[in-house]
Amino acid sequence: MRRIKGGLLIESRHQSLAREQLRDLVARLRIAAEPDVPGEDEIAALVDEVRGQRARHR
């Protein structure tokens, strides 16, 4: 049992373990993907490129 906003969450030990494993897996995936995440400048350049392409097709 654990407290959440507005109430209590009752879960079995199996559910609790599965939730913790999922949280750990997501954390590991985020760390692994971090170097591949584009920076702010790259995102801005991609957005500008797409906007330019769309403007040419109008």
C-alpha atoms as a PDB file:
ATOM      1  CA  MET A   1       0.000   0.000   0.000  1.00  0.00           C
ATOM      2  CA  ARG A   2       1.273   3.477  -0.820  1.00  0.00           C
ATOM      3  CA  ARG A   3      -0.131   6.952  -0.643  1.00  0.00           C
ATOM      4  CA  ILE A   4      -0.930   8.777  -3.887  1.00  0.00           C
ATOM      5  CA  LYS A   5      -2.517  12.145  -4.539  1.00  0.00           C
ATOM      6  CA  GLY A   6      -6.086  11.915  -3.368  1.00  0.00           C
ATOM      7  CA  GLY A   7      -5.968   8.423  -1.857  1.00  0.00           C
ATOM      8  CA  LEU A   8      -4.181   5.152  -1.342  1.00  0.00           C
ATOM      9  CA  LEU A   9      -2.985   2.648  -3.887  1.00  0.00           C
ATOM     10  CA  ILE A  10      -3.264  -0.964  -2.835  1.00  0.00           C
ATOM     11  CA  GLU A  11      -1.172  -3.357  -4.885  1.00  0.00           C
ATOM     12  CA  SER A  12       0.197  -6.846  -4.473  1.00  0.00           C
ATOM     13  CA  ARG A  13       3.899  -7.496  -3.988  1.00  0.00           C
ATOM     14  CA  HIS A  14       3.975  -8.820  -7.552  1.00  0.00           C
ATOM     15  CA  GLN A  15       2.445  -5.604  -8.905  1.00  0.00           C
ATOM     16  CA  SER A  16       4.827  -3.505  -6.830  1.00  0.00           C
ATOM     17  CA  LEU A  17       7.840  -5.452  -8.104  1.00  0.00           C
ATOM     18  CA  ALA A  18       6.617  -5.182 -11.714  1.00  0.00           C
ATOM     19  CA  ARG A  19       6.145  -1.405 -11.336  1.00  0.00           C
ATOM     20  CA  GLU A  20       9.672  -1.013  -9.928  1.00  0.00           C
ATOM     21  CA  GLN A  21      11.140  -3.142 -12.737  1.00  0.00           C
ATOM     22  CA  LEU A  22       9.330  -1.048 -15.333  1.00  0.00           C
ATOM     23  CA  ARG A  23      10.576   2.168 -13.718  1.00  0.00           C
ATOM     24  CA  ASP A  24      14.156   0.829 -13.776  1.00  0.00           C
ATOM     25  CA  LEU A  25      13.825  -0.288 -17.402  1.00  0.00           C
ATOM     26  CA  VAL A  26      12.539   3.135 -18.489  1.00  0.00           C
ATOM     27  CA  ALA A  27      15.404   4.827 -16.620  1.00  0.00           C
ATOM     28  CA  ARG A  28      17.966   2.589 -18.368  1.00  0.00           C
ATOM     29  CA  LEU A  29      16.378   3.255 -21.769  1.00  0.00           C
ATOM     30  CA  ARG A  30      16.453   7.003 -21.181  1.00  0.00           C
ATOM     31  CA  ILE A  31      20.141   6.865 -20.266  1.00  0.00           C
ATOM     32  CA  ALA A  32      20.926   4.762 -23.339  1.00  0.00           C
ATOM     33  CA  ALA A  33      19.004   7.093 -25.668  1.00  0.00           C
ATOM     34  CA  GLU A  34      20.365  10.309 -24.182  1.00  0.00           C
ATOM     35  CA  PRO A  35      23.345  10.725 -26.556  1.00  0.00           C
ATOM     36  CA  ASP A  36      20.995  10.402 -29.553  1.00  0.00           C
ATOM     37  CA  VAL A  37      18.540  13.056 -28.368  1.00  0.00           C
ATOM     38  CA  PRO A  38      18.803  16.109 -30.632  1.00  0.00           C
ATOM     39  CA  GLY A  39      19.803  19.397 -29.010  1.00  0.00           C
ATOM     40  CA  GLU A  40      17.726  22.561 -29.026  1.00  0.00           C
ATOM     41  CA  ASP A  41      19.635  23.952 -32.023  1.00  0.00           C
ATOM     42  CA  GLU A  42      19.123  20.759 -34.019  1.00  0.00           C
ATOM     43  CA  ILE A  43      15.402  20.777 -33.266  1.00  0.00           C
ATOM     44  CA  ALA A  44      15.088  24.425 -34.299  1.00  0.00           C
ATOM     45  CA  ALA A  45      16.963  23.707 -37.561  1.00  0.00           C
ATOM     46  CA  LEU A  46      14.689  20.743 -38.339  1.00  0.00           C
ATOM     47  CA  VAL A  47      11.569  22.811 -37.648  1.00  0.00           C
ATOM     48  CA  ASP A  48      12.833  25.597 -39.919  1.00  0.00           C
ATOM     49  CA  GLU A  49      13.614  23.084 -42.659  1.00  0.00           C
ATOM     50  CA  VAL A  50      10.144  21.534 -42.515  1.00  0.00           C
ATOM     51  CA  ARG A  51       8.474  24.950 -42.481  1.00  0.00           C
ATOM     52  CA  GLY A  52      10.516  25.958 -45.520  1.00  0.00           C
ATOM     53  CA  GLN A  53       9.516  22.799 -47.375  1.00  0.00           C
ATOM     54  CA  ARG A  54       5.845  23.337 -46.551  1.00  0.00           C
ATOM     55  CA  ALA A  55       6.007  26.963 -47.658  1.00  0.00           C
ATOM     56  CA  ARG A  56       7.391  25.911 -51.060  1.00  0.00           C
ATOM     57  CA  HIS A  57       4.485  23.482 -51.574  1.00  0.00           C
ATOM     58  CA  ARG A  58       1.780  26.080 -51.053  1.00  0.00           C
END
